[in-house]
N, C-alpha and C. Protein backbone atom coordinates (compact mmCIF):
# COMPACT_ATOMS: atom_id res chain seq x y z
N UNK A 1 -9.52 -11.07 -10.95
CA UNK A 1 -8.66 -10.42 -11.91
C UNK A 1 -9.29 -9.10 -12.32
N UNK A 2 -8.45 -8.09 -12.41
CA UNK A 2 -8.86 -6.77 -12.86
C UNK A 2 -8.02 -6.44 -14.09
N UNK A 3 -8.64 -5.96 -15.16
CA UNK A 3 -7.90 -5.55 -16.36
C UNK A 3 -7.98 -4.03 -16.45
N UNK A 4 -6.83 -3.40 -16.64
CA UNK A 4 -6.76 -1.94 -16.74
C UNK A 4 -6.06 -1.54 -18.03
N UNK A 5 -6.46 -0.41 -18.56
CA UNK A 5 -5.76 0.17 -19.70
C UNK A 5 -4.68 1.09 -19.16
N UNK A 6 -3.49 0.92 -19.65
CA UNK A 6 -2.38 1.74 -19.17
C UNK A 6 -2.39 3.09 -19.84
N UNK A 7 -2.21 4.09 -19.05
CA UNK A 7 -1.91 5.43 -19.55
C UNK A 7 -0.39 5.52 -19.47
N UNK A 8 0.24 4.78 -20.36
CA UNK A 8 1.66 4.47 -20.28
C UNK A 8 2.56 5.69 -20.17
N UNK A 9 2.12 6.82 -20.73
CA UNK A 9 2.95 8.01 -20.67
C UNK A 9 3.16 8.46 -19.23
N UNK A 10 2.23 8.10 -18.35
CA UNK A 10 2.27 8.53 -16.95
C UNK A 10 2.53 7.37 -16.00
N UNK A 11 2.74 6.19 -16.53
CA UNK A 11 2.85 5.00 -15.67
C UNK A 11 4.12 4.21 -15.95
N UNK A 12 5.27 4.82 -15.74
CA UNK A 12 6.53 4.12 -15.97
C UNK A 12 6.65 2.88 -15.09
N UNK A 13 6.07 2.90 -13.89
CA UNK A 13 6.15 1.73 -13.01
C UNK A 13 5.40 0.55 -13.62
N UNK A 14 4.30 0.81 -14.33
CA UNK A 14 3.56 -0.25 -15.01
C UNK A 14 4.42 -0.81 -16.14
N UNK A 15 5.03 0.07 -16.92
CA UNK A 15 5.88 -0.39 -18.02
C UNK A 15 7.04 -1.24 -17.50
N UNK A 16 7.61 -0.85 -16.38
CA UNK A 16 8.71 -1.62 -15.81
C UNK A 16 8.26 -3.02 -15.42
N UNK A 17 7.12 -3.12 -14.75
CA UNK A 17 6.62 -4.43 -14.33
C UNK A 17 6.25 -5.29 -15.54
N UNK A 18 5.60 -4.69 -16.54
CA UNK A 18 5.28 -5.42 -17.76
C UNK A 18 6.56 -5.92 -18.42
N UNK A 19 7.57 -5.07 -18.48
CA UNK A 19 8.85 -5.46 -19.09
C UNK A 19 9.51 -6.62 -18.34
N UNK A 20 9.44 -6.59 -17.02
CA UNK A 20 10.02 -7.68 -16.22
C UNK A 20 9.33 -9.01 -16.51
N UNK A 21 8.00 -8.99 -16.56
CA UNK A 21 7.25 -10.21 -16.86
C UNK A 21 7.56 -10.67 -18.28
N UNK A 22 7.59 -9.73 -19.20
CA UNK A 22 7.89 -10.02 -20.60
C UNK A 22 9.21 -10.79 -20.73
N UNK A 23 10.25 -10.28 -20.09
CA UNK A 23 11.57 -10.93 -20.17
C UNK A 23 11.52 -12.37 -19.66
N UNK A 24 10.81 -12.60 -18.56
CA UNK A 24 10.70 -13.96 -18.01
C UNK A 24 9.96 -14.89 -18.97
N UNK A 25 8.84 -14.41 -19.49
CA UNK A 25 8.00 -15.23 -20.37
C UNK A 25 8.76 -15.65 -21.63
N UNK A 26 9.43 -14.69 -22.25
CA UNK A 26 10.07 -14.99 -23.53
C UNK A 26 11.37 -15.78 -23.39
N UNK A 27 11.82 -16.01 -22.17
CA UNK A 27 12.94 -16.94 -21.97
C UNK A 27 12.45 -18.38 -21.98
N UNK A 28 11.16 -18.58 -21.78
CA UNK A 28 10.59 -19.93 -21.71
C UNK A 28 10.38 -20.51 -23.11
N UNK A 29 10.32 -21.86 -23.19
CA UNK A 29 9.96 -22.48 -24.46
C UNK A 29 8.50 -22.11 -24.81
N UNK A 30 8.12 -22.00 -26.02
CA UNK A 30 8.92 -22.30 -27.21
C UNK A 30 9.76 -21.12 -27.71
N UNK A 31 9.72 -20.01 -27.00
CA UNK A 31 10.37 -18.79 -27.48
C UNK A 31 11.89 -18.85 -27.32
N UNK A 32 12.36 -19.17 -26.11
CA UNK A 32 13.80 -19.27 -25.83
C UNK A 32 14.57 -18.01 -26.27
N UNK A 33 13.99 -16.87 -25.98
CA UNK A 33 14.61 -15.59 -26.35
C UNK A 33 15.24 -14.98 -25.09
N UNK A 34 16.52 -15.20 -24.93
CA UNK A 34 17.24 -14.77 -23.74
C UNK A 34 17.84 -13.37 -23.86
N UNK A 35 17.64 -12.73 -24.98
CA UNK A 35 18.28 -11.44 -25.24
C UNK A 35 17.48 -10.24 -24.74
N UNK A 36 16.25 -10.45 -24.28
CA UNK A 36 15.44 -9.32 -23.83
C UNK A 36 15.93 -8.78 -22.49
N UNK A 37 16.00 -7.47 -22.38
CA UNK A 37 16.28 -6.79 -21.11
C UNK A 37 15.10 -5.86 -20.84
N UNK A 38 14.91 -5.50 -19.59
CA UNK A 38 13.79 -4.60 -19.27
C UNK A 38 13.94 -3.27 -20.01
N UNK A 39 15.15 -2.75 -20.10
CA UNK A 39 15.36 -1.49 -20.81
C UNK A 39 14.96 -1.60 -22.28
N UNK A 40 15.34 -2.70 -22.90
CA UNK A 40 15.01 -2.90 -24.32
C UNK A 40 13.51 -3.03 -24.52
N UNK A 41 12.84 -3.76 -23.63
CA UNK A 41 11.39 -3.93 -23.74
C UNK A 41 10.69 -2.59 -23.54
N UNK A 42 11.12 -1.82 -22.55
CA UNK A 42 10.52 -0.50 -22.32
C UNK A 42 10.72 0.40 -23.54
N UNK A 43 11.90 0.36 -24.11
CA UNK A 43 12.17 1.14 -25.32
C UNK A 43 11.24 0.71 -26.46
N UNK A 44 11.09 -0.61 -26.66
CA UNK A 44 10.18 -1.12 -27.69
C UNK A 44 8.73 -0.72 -27.40
N UNK A 45 8.35 -0.81 -26.13
CA UNK A 45 6.98 -0.42 -25.76
C UNK A 45 6.70 1.04 -26.11
N UNK A 46 7.63 1.91 -25.80
CA UNK A 46 7.45 3.32 -26.13
C UNK A 46 7.25 3.50 -27.63
N UNK A 47 8.04 2.79 -28.42
CA UNK A 47 7.93 2.88 -29.88
C UNK A 47 6.58 2.32 -30.37
N UNK A 48 6.20 1.16 -29.86
CA UNK A 48 4.96 0.51 -30.30
C UNK A 48 3.73 1.31 -29.88
N UNK A 49 3.78 1.89 -28.70
CA UNK A 49 2.60 2.60 -28.18
C UNK A 49 2.43 3.98 -28.80
N UNK A 50 3.36 4.39 -29.62
CA UNK A 50 3.22 5.65 -30.37
C UNK A 50 2.49 5.42 -31.69
N UNK A 51 2.24 4.19 -32.05
CA UNK A 51 1.58 3.85 -33.31
C UNK A 51 0.09 4.15 -33.21
N UNK A 52 -0.59 4.24 -34.35
CA UNK A 52 -2.02 4.59 -34.35
C UNK A 52 -2.87 3.64 -33.51
N UNK A 53 -3.75 4.22 -32.72
CA UNK A 53 -4.73 3.48 -31.90
C UNK A 53 -4.08 2.41 -31.02
N UNK A 54 -2.88 2.66 -30.55
CA UNK A 54 -2.18 1.70 -29.69
C UNK A 54 -2.91 1.54 -28.36
N UNK A 55 -2.92 0.31 -27.87
CA UNK A 55 -3.56 -0.03 -26.60
C UNK A 55 -2.62 -0.95 -25.83
N UNK A 56 -2.43 -0.65 -24.54
CA UNK A 56 -1.71 -1.53 -23.62
C UNK A 56 -2.65 -1.82 -22.45
N UNK A 57 -2.96 -3.10 -22.26
CA UNK A 57 -3.77 -3.53 -21.13
C UNK A 57 -2.91 -4.40 -20.22
N UNK A 58 -3.21 -4.34 -18.94
CA UNK A 58 -2.53 -5.23 -18.01
C UNK A 58 -3.53 -5.78 -17.01
N UNK A 59 -3.23 -6.98 -16.51
CA UNK A 59 -4.09 -7.65 -15.55
C UNK A 59 -3.47 -7.55 -14.17
N UNK A 60 -4.33 -7.38 -13.19
CA UNK A 60 -3.90 -7.31 -11.80
C UNK A 60 -4.58 -8.42 -11.00
N UNK A 61 -3.83 -8.94 -10.05
CA UNK A 61 -4.40 -9.87 -9.09
C UNK A 61 -4.83 -9.03 -7.89
N UNK A 62 -6.12 -8.99 -7.64
CA UNK A 62 -6.67 -8.28 -6.47
C UNK A 62 -6.15 -6.86 -6.34
N UNK A 63 -6.06 -6.14 -7.49
CA UNK A 63 -5.67 -4.72 -7.48
C UNK A 63 -4.25 -4.49 -6.98
N UNK A 64 -3.43 -5.56 -6.97
CA UNK A 64 -2.08 -5.40 -6.41
C UNK A 64 -0.98 -5.71 -7.41
N UNK A 65 -0.87 -6.94 -7.82
CA UNK A 65 0.28 -7.43 -8.57
C UNK A 65 -0.07 -7.57 -10.05
N UNK A 66 0.76 -7.00 -10.93
CA UNK A 66 0.55 -7.17 -12.37
C UNK A 66 0.90 -8.61 -12.72
N UNK A 67 -0.04 -9.27 -13.39
CA UNK A 67 0.11 -10.69 -13.68
C UNK A 67 0.18 -11.00 -15.18
N UNK A 68 -0.18 -10.03 -16.01
CA UNK A 68 -0.16 -10.26 -17.44
C UNK A 68 -0.38 -8.97 -18.20
N UNK A 69 -0.26 -9.05 -19.51
CA UNK A 69 -0.36 -7.86 -20.35
C UNK A 69 -0.73 -8.25 -21.77
N UNK A 70 -1.20 -7.30 -22.51
CA UNK A 70 -1.36 -7.42 -23.95
C UNK A 70 -1.27 -6.03 -24.54
N UNK A 71 -0.76 -5.94 -25.76
CA UNK A 71 -0.74 -4.65 -26.44
C UNK A 71 -0.75 -4.86 -27.95
N UNK A 72 -1.15 -3.79 -28.61
CA UNK A 72 -1.17 -3.81 -30.06
C UNK A 72 -1.51 -2.44 -30.60
N UNK A 73 -1.70 -2.38 -31.91
CA UNK A 73 -1.92 -1.10 -32.58
C UNK A 73 -2.54 -1.36 -33.95
N UNK A 74 -3.09 -0.29 -34.52
CA UNK A 74 -3.64 -0.39 -35.87
C UNK A 74 -2.47 -0.49 -36.84
N UNK A 75 -2.62 -1.39 -37.81
CA UNK A 75 -1.54 -1.64 -38.78
C UNK A 75 -2.10 -1.61 -40.20
N UNK A 76 -1.26 -1.19 -41.11
CA UNK A 76 -1.64 -1.21 -42.53
C UNK A 76 -1.22 -2.55 -43.13
N UNK A 77 -1.64 -2.77 -44.36
CA UNK A 77 -1.22 -3.98 -45.06
C UNK A 77 0.31 -3.96 -45.23
N UNK A 78 0.86 -2.79 -45.50
CA UNK A 78 2.33 -2.68 -45.61
C UNK A 78 3.01 -3.04 -44.30
N UNK A 79 2.44 -2.57 -43.17
CA UNK A 79 3.00 -2.91 -41.86
C UNK A 79 3.00 -4.42 -41.66
N UNK A 80 1.88 -5.07 -41.98
CA UNK A 80 1.79 -6.52 -41.79
C UNK A 80 2.77 -7.25 -42.69
N UNK A 81 2.96 -6.76 -43.89
CA UNK A 81 3.94 -7.35 -44.79
C UNK A 81 5.35 -7.22 -44.22
N UNK A 82 5.65 -6.05 -43.64
CA UNK A 82 6.97 -5.84 -43.02
C UNK A 82 7.15 -6.72 -41.79
N UNK A 83 6.14 -6.82 -40.95
CA UNK A 83 6.22 -7.62 -39.72
C UNK A 83 6.42 -9.09 -40.05
N UNK A 84 5.64 -9.60 -40.97
CA UNK A 84 5.62 -11.04 -41.26
C UNK A 84 6.66 -11.47 -42.29
N UNK A 85 7.07 -10.54 -43.14
CA UNK A 85 7.95 -10.92 -44.24
C UNK A 85 7.17 -11.53 -45.39
N UNK A 86 5.85 -11.55 -45.28
CA UNK A 86 5.00 -12.09 -46.35
C UNK A 86 4.79 -11.00 -47.40
N UNK A 87 4.45 -11.42 -48.58
CA UNK A 87 4.20 -10.47 -49.65
C UNK A 87 2.98 -9.60 -49.34
N UNK A 88 3.08 -8.34 -49.73
CA UNK A 88 1.97 -7.40 -49.60
C UNK A 88 0.70 -8.00 -50.21
N UNK A 89 0.84 -8.64 -51.38
CA UNK A 89 -0.32 -9.20 -52.08
C UNK A 89 -1.00 -10.30 -51.28
N UNK A 90 -0.23 -11.05 -50.47
CA UNK A 90 -0.85 -12.08 -49.63
C UNK A 90 -1.79 -11.46 -48.61
N UNK A 91 -1.30 -10.42 -47.93
CA UNK A 91 -2.13 -9.75 -46.92
C UNK A 91 -3.31 -9.04 -47.57
N UNK A 92 -3.06 -8.39 -48.70
CA UNK A 92 -4.13 -7.65 -49.38
C UNK A 92 -5.27 -8.59 -49.77
N UNK A 93 -4.93 -9.77 -50.22
CA UNK A 93 -5.92 -10.77 -50.61
C UNK A 93 -6.80 -11.18 -49.41
N UNK A 94 -6.19 -11.23 -48.24
CA UNK A 94 -6.90 -11.68 -47.04
C UNK A 94 -7.72 -10.57 -46.40
N UNK A 95 -7.13 -9.39 -46.25
CA UNK A 95 -7.82 -8.32 -45.50
C UNK A 95 -8.34 -7.19 -46.38
N UNK A 96 -8.10 -7.28 -47.67
CA UNK A 96 -8.52 -6.25 -48.62
C UNK A 96 -8.00 -4.89 -48.16
N UNK A 97 -8.86 -3.88 -48.17
CA UNK A 97 -8.41 -2.54 -47.76
C UNK A 97 -9.07 -2.14 -46.45
N UNK A 98 -9.35 -3.10 -45.61
CA UNK A 98 -10.05 -2.83 -44.36
C UNK A 98 -9.06 -2.46 -43.26
N UNK A 99 -9.60 -1.99 -42.14
CA UNK A 99 -8.77 -1.59 -41.00
C UNK A 99 -8.38 -2.82 -40.18
N UNK A 100 -7.10 -2.86 -39.80
CA UNK A 100 -6.54 -4.04 -39.13
C UNK A 100 -5.86 -3.61 -37.84
N UNK A 101 -6.05 -4.40 -36.79
CA UNK A 101 -5.36 -4.18 -35.53
C UNK A 101 -4.42 -5.36 -35.32
N UNK A 102 -3.15 -5.06 -35.11
CA UNK A 102 -2.15 -6.10 -34.87
C UNK A 102 -1.95 -6.26 -33.37
N UNK A 103 -2.27 -7.43 -32.85
CA UNK A 103 -2.03 -7.73 -31.44
C UNK A 103 -0.58 -8.19 -31.36
N UNK A 104 0.24 -7.30 -30.86
CA UNK A 104 1.68 -7.51 -30.86
C UNK A 104 2.10 -8.52 -29.80
N UNK A 105 1.53 -8.42 -28.62
CA UNK A 105 1.96 -9.30 -27.52
C UNK A 105 0.80 -9.65 -26.60
N UNK A 106 0.91 -10.83 -26.02
CA UNK A 106 0.05 -11.28 -24.94
C UNK A 106 0.92 -12.16 -24.07
N UNK A 107 0.96 -11.88 -22.78
CA UNK A 107 1.76 -12.69 -21.88
C UNK A 107 1.17 -12.72 -20.49
N UNK A 108 1.28 -13.86 -19.85
CA UNK A 108 0.79 -14.03 -18.47
C UNK A 108 1.89 -14.69 -17.65
N UNK A 109 2.15 -14.13 -16.49
CA UNK A 109 3.12 -14.70 -15.56
C UNK A 109 2.80 -16.18 -15.34
N UNK A 110 3.83 -16.99 -15.33
CA UNK A 110 3.68 -18.45 -15.22
C UNK A 110 2.74 -18.87 -14.07
N UNK A 111 2.82 -18.19 -12.93
CA UNK A 111 2.00 -18.56 -11.76
C UNK A 111 0.51 -18.37 -12.00
N UNK A 112 0.14 -17.59 -13.01
CA UNK A 112 -1.27 -17.24 -13.23
C UNK A 112 -1.84 -17.81 -14.52
N UNK A 113 -1.12 -18.70 -15.15
CA UNK A 113 -1.61 -19.32 -16.38
C UNK A 113 -2.69 -20.34 -16.05
N UNK A 114 -3.56 -20.53 -17.01
CA UNK A 114 -4.69 -21.45 -16.88
C UNK A 114 -5.68 -20.98 -15.81
N UNK A 115 -5.67 -19.69 -15.53
CA UNK A 115 -6.59 -19.11 -14.54
C UNK A 115 -7.51 -18.06 -15.17
N UNK A 116 -7.48 -17.94 -16.49
CA UNK A 116 -8.36 -17.01 -17.18
C UNK A 116 -7.77 -15.64 -17.45
N UNK A 117 -6.52 -15.40 -17.08
CA UNK A 117 -5.92 -14.08 -17.30
C UNK A 117 -5.73 -13.79 -18.79
N UNK A 118 -5.19 -14.75 -19.53
CA UNK A 118 -5.00 -14.55 -20.97
C UNK A 118 -6.32 -14.33 -21.68
N UNK A 119 -7.33 -15.12 -21.32
CA UNK A 119 -8.65 -14.97 -21.92
C UNK A 119 -9.25 -13.61 -21.58
N UNK A 120 -9.15 -13.20 -20.33
CA UNK A 120 -9.70 -11.91 -19.91
C UNK A 120 -9.02 -10.75 -20.62
N UNK A 121 -7.70 -10.80 -20.72
CA UNK A 121 -6.97 -9.75 -21.42
C UNK A 121 -7.35 -9.70 -22.90
N UNK A 122 -7.44 -10.87 -23.53
CA UNK A 122 -7.78 -10.92 -24.95
C UNK A 122 -9.19 -10.41 -25.20
N UNK A 123 -10.14 -10.83 -24.38
CA UNK A 123 -11.52 -10.37 -24.55
C UNK A 123 -11.64 -8.86 -24.35
N UNK A 124 -10.94 -8.33 -23.37
CA UNK A 124 -10.99 -6.89 -23.13
C UNK A 124 -10.34 -6.13 -24.28
N UNK A 125 -9.23 -6.64 -24.80
CA UNK A 125 -8.59 -5.99 -25.93
C UNK A 125 -9.50 -6.01 -27.16
N UNK A 126 -10.17 -7.13 -27.38
CA UNK A 126 -11.09 -7.21 -28.52
C UNK A 126 -12.23 -6.21 -28.38
N UNK A 127 -12.71 -5.97 -27.16
CA UNK A 127 -13.74 -4.93 -26.94
C UNK A 127 -13.21 -3.57 -27.33
N UNK A 128 -11.98 -3.26 -26.91
CA UNK A 128 -11.37 -1.96 -27.23
C UNK A 128 -11.20 -1.81 -28.75
N UNK A 129 -10.74 -2.86 -29.39
CA UNK A 129 -10.53 -2.83 -30.84
C UNK A 129 -11.86 -2.59 -31.55
N UNK A 130 -12.89 -3.30 -31.13
CA UNK A 130 -14.20 -3.16 -31.76
C UNK A 130 -14.71 -1.73 -31.62
N UNK A 131 -14.46 -1.10 -30.49
CA UNK A 131 -14.91 0.28 -30.28
C UNK A 131 -14.17 1.27 -31.19
N UNK A 132 -13.06 0.85 -31.79
CA UNK A 132 -12.31 1.70 -32.71
C UNK A 132 -12.78 1.53 -34.16
N UNK A 133 -13.82 0.72 -34.34
CA UNK A 133 -14.35 0.42 -35.69
C UNK A 133 -13.31 -0.25 -36.59
N UNK A 134 -12.54 -1.13 -35.99
CA UNK A 134 -11.54 -1.91 -36.72
C UNK A 134 -12.26 -3.12 -37.33
N UNK A 135 -11.83 -3.54 -38.51
CA UNK A 135 -12.48 -4.65 -39.20
C UNK A 135 -11.90 -6.02 -38.85
N UNK A 136 -10.58 -6.07 -38.61
CA UNK A 136 -9.91 -7.33 -38.32
C UNK A 136 -8.90 -7.17 -37.19
N UNK A 137 -8.72 -8.24 -36.44
CA UNK A 137 -7.61 -8.34 -35.50
C UNK A 137 -6.73 -9.47 -36.01
N UNK A 138 -5.42 -9.27 -35.94
CA UNK A 138 -4.49 -10.30 -36.36
C UNK A 138 -3.35 -10.40 -35.35
N UNK A 139 -2.68 -11.53 -35.34
CA UNK A 139 -1.58 -11.79 -34.42
C UNK A 139 -0.78 -12.95 -34.94
N UNK A 140 0.33 -13.22 -34.29
CA UNK A 140 1.10 -14.42 -34.63
C UNK A 140 1.47 -15.13 -33.34
N UNK A 141 1.65 -16.44 -33.47
CA UNK A 141 2.12 -17.23 -32.34
C UNK A 141 2.86 -18.46 -32.87
N UNK A 142 3.60 -19.08 -31.99
CA UNK A 142 4.39 -20.26 -32.34
C UNK A 142 3.49 -21.48 -32.41
N UNK A 143 3.79 -22.37 -33.33
CA UNK A 143 2.98 -23.58 -33.47
C UNK A 143 3.07 -24.48 -32.23
N UNK A 144 4.13 -24.30 -31.42
CA UNK A 144 4.27 -25.10 -30.20
C UNK A 144 3.59 -24.46 -28.98
N UNK A 145 3.07 -23.27 -29.15
CA UNK A 145 2.39 -22.56 -28.05
C UNK A 145 0.93 -23.02 -28.00
N UNK A 146 0.73 -24.24 -27.54
CA UNK A 146 -0.58 -24.89 -27.58
C UNK A 146 -1.63 -24.10 -26.79
N UNK A 147 -1.29 -23.64 -25.60
CA UNK A 147 -2.26 -22.89 -24.79
C UNK A 147 -2.69 -21.61 -25.50
N UNK A 148 -1.74 -20.90 -26.08
CA UNK A 148 -2.06 -19.66 -26.79
C UNK A 148 -2.95 -19.97 -28.00
N UNK A 149 -2.62 -21.00 -28.74
CA UNK A 149 -3.40 -21.37 -29.92
C UNK A 149 -4.83 -21.74 -29.52
N UNK A 150 -4.96 -22.47 -28.43
CA UNK A 150 -6.31 -22.83 -27.96
C UNK A 150 -7.09 -21.59 -27.53
N UNK A 151 -6.42 -20.65 -26.88
CA UNK A 151 -7.06 -19.41 -26.47
C UNK A 151 -7.54 -18.64 -27.70
N UNK A 152 -6.72 -18.55 -28.72
CA UNK A 152 -7.11 -17.81 -29.91
C UNK A 152 -8.29 -18.47 -30.62
N UNK A 153 -8.29 -19.80 -30.67
CA UNK A 153 -9.45 -20.50 -31.25
C UNK A 153 -10.70 -20.18 -30.45
N UNK A 154 -10.57 -20.23 -29.13
CA UNK A 154 -11.70 -19.98 -28.23
C UNK A 154 -12.28 -18.57 -28.42
N UNK A 155 -11.43 -17.61 -28.77
CA UNK A 155 -11.90 -16.24 -28.93
C UNK A 155 -12.25 -15.90 -30.38
N UNK A 156 -12.27 -16.92 -31.25
CA UNK A 156 -12.77 -16.73 -32.61
C UNK A 156 -11.73 -16.43 -33.67
N UNK A 157 -10.46 -16.54 -33.34
CA UNK A 157 -9.42 -16.36 -34.34
C UNK A 157 -9.29 -17.63 -35.17
N UNK A 158 -8.88 -17.45 -36.42
CA UNK A 158 -8.60 -18.59 -37.30
C UNK A 158 -7.19 -18.45 -37.83
N UNK A 159 -6.49 -19.57 -37.86
CA UNK A 159 -5.15 -19.56 -38.41
C UNK A 159 -5.24 -19.35 -39.91
N UNK A 160 -4.40 -18.46 -40.44
CA UNK A 160 -4.42 -18.19 -41.88
C UNK A 160 -3.14 -18.73 -42.51
N UNK A 161 -3.12 -18.75 -43.80
CA UNK A 161 -2.02 -19.37 -44.53
C UNK A 161 -0.85 -18.40 -44.72
N UNK A 162 -0.37 -17.84 -43.61
CA UNK A 162 0.82 -17.00 -43.64
C UNK A 162 1.73 -17.44 -42.50
N UNK A 163 2.96 -17.74 -42.86
CA UNK A 163 3.99 -18.12 -41.89
C UNK A 163 5.01 -17.00 -41.84
N UNK A 164 5.53 -16.75 -40.66
CA UNK A 164 6.52 -15.69 -40.49
C UNK A 164 7.80 -16.05 -41.24
N UNK A 165 8.31 -15.09 -42.01
CA UNK A 165 9.51 -15.35 -42.82
C UNK A 165 10.76 -15.56 -41.97
N UNK A 166 10.85 -14.85 -40.85
CA UNK A 166 12.04 -14.94 -40.00
C UNK A 166 11.96 -16.12 -39.03
N UNK A 167 10.75 -16.43 -38.56
CA UNK A 167 10.53 -17.51 -37.60
C UNK A 167 9.50 -18.47 -38.19
N UNK A 168 9.98 -19.51 -38.85
CA UNK A 168 9.09 -20.40 -39.61
C UNK A 168 8.11 -21.18 -38.75
N UNK A 169 8.32 -21.23 -37.43
CA UNK A 169 7.39 -21.92 -36.54
C UNK A 169 6.27 -21.01 -36.06
N UNK A 170 6.23 -19.78 -36.53
CA UNK A 170 5.20 -18.84 -36.11
C UNK A 170 4.22 -18.60 -37.26
N UNK A 171 2.96 -18.73 -36.94
CA UNK A 171 1.91 -18.54 -37.93
C UNK A 171 1.01 -17.39 -37.52
N UNK A 172 0.26 -16.88 -38.48
CA UNK A 172 -0.62 -15.74 -38.25
C UNK A 172 -2.06 -16.19 -38.14
N UNK A 173 -2.79 -15.44 -37.33
CA UNK A 173 -4.19 -15.71 -37.03
C UNK A 173 -4.98 -14.45 -37.31
N UNK A 174 -6.26 -14.61 -37.64
CA UNK A 174 -7.10 -13.48 -38.00
C UNK A 174 -8.50 -13.66 -37.42
N UNK A 175 -9.08 -12.55 -37.01
CA UNK A 175 -10.46 -12.56 -36.52
C UNK A 175 -11.17 -11.37 -37.15
N UNK A 176 -12.28 -11.65 -37.81
CA UNK A 176 -13.11 -10.57 -38.34
C UNK A 176 -13.96 -10.04 -37.19
N UNK A 177 -14.01 -8.72 -37.08
CA UNK A 177 -14.73 -8.11 -35.96
C UNK A 177 -16.09 -7.58 -36.40
């Protein structure tokens, strides 16, 4: 497995492949989100990657086929409150006034799961985040996403007492860097 950082402004073909994998993954349980299209994902990616300190990484099998991805960006307490629907005071109590990186997405093509791709992408993203002098990394996942939850535990994340307001089965995780 090879992990690369996308220079997304110049790599539309990478964004297209990431979007295709994204659509397939989010149709699966526990997400069951059938409304994603490649155009919509690419549009969202462009918006997300314009945010402060945004990073998009992708994994390749033998320098050929994109097999997974992760991306995120630096977020404020207000951003996290907007994303989660939780009160600003809840996030402020947890992260104080420190710098936070929100890991927006992590996905691996079904054929390559349980092969270390998710772990490799997460570890590489955490290295990039640490080099930005970020204090915390945070993310959310579904309580039924057992593999993802195990991966986050393995990489040092802890589940915190914040549940997503829109999706009550999704909880937030935090890692101090």
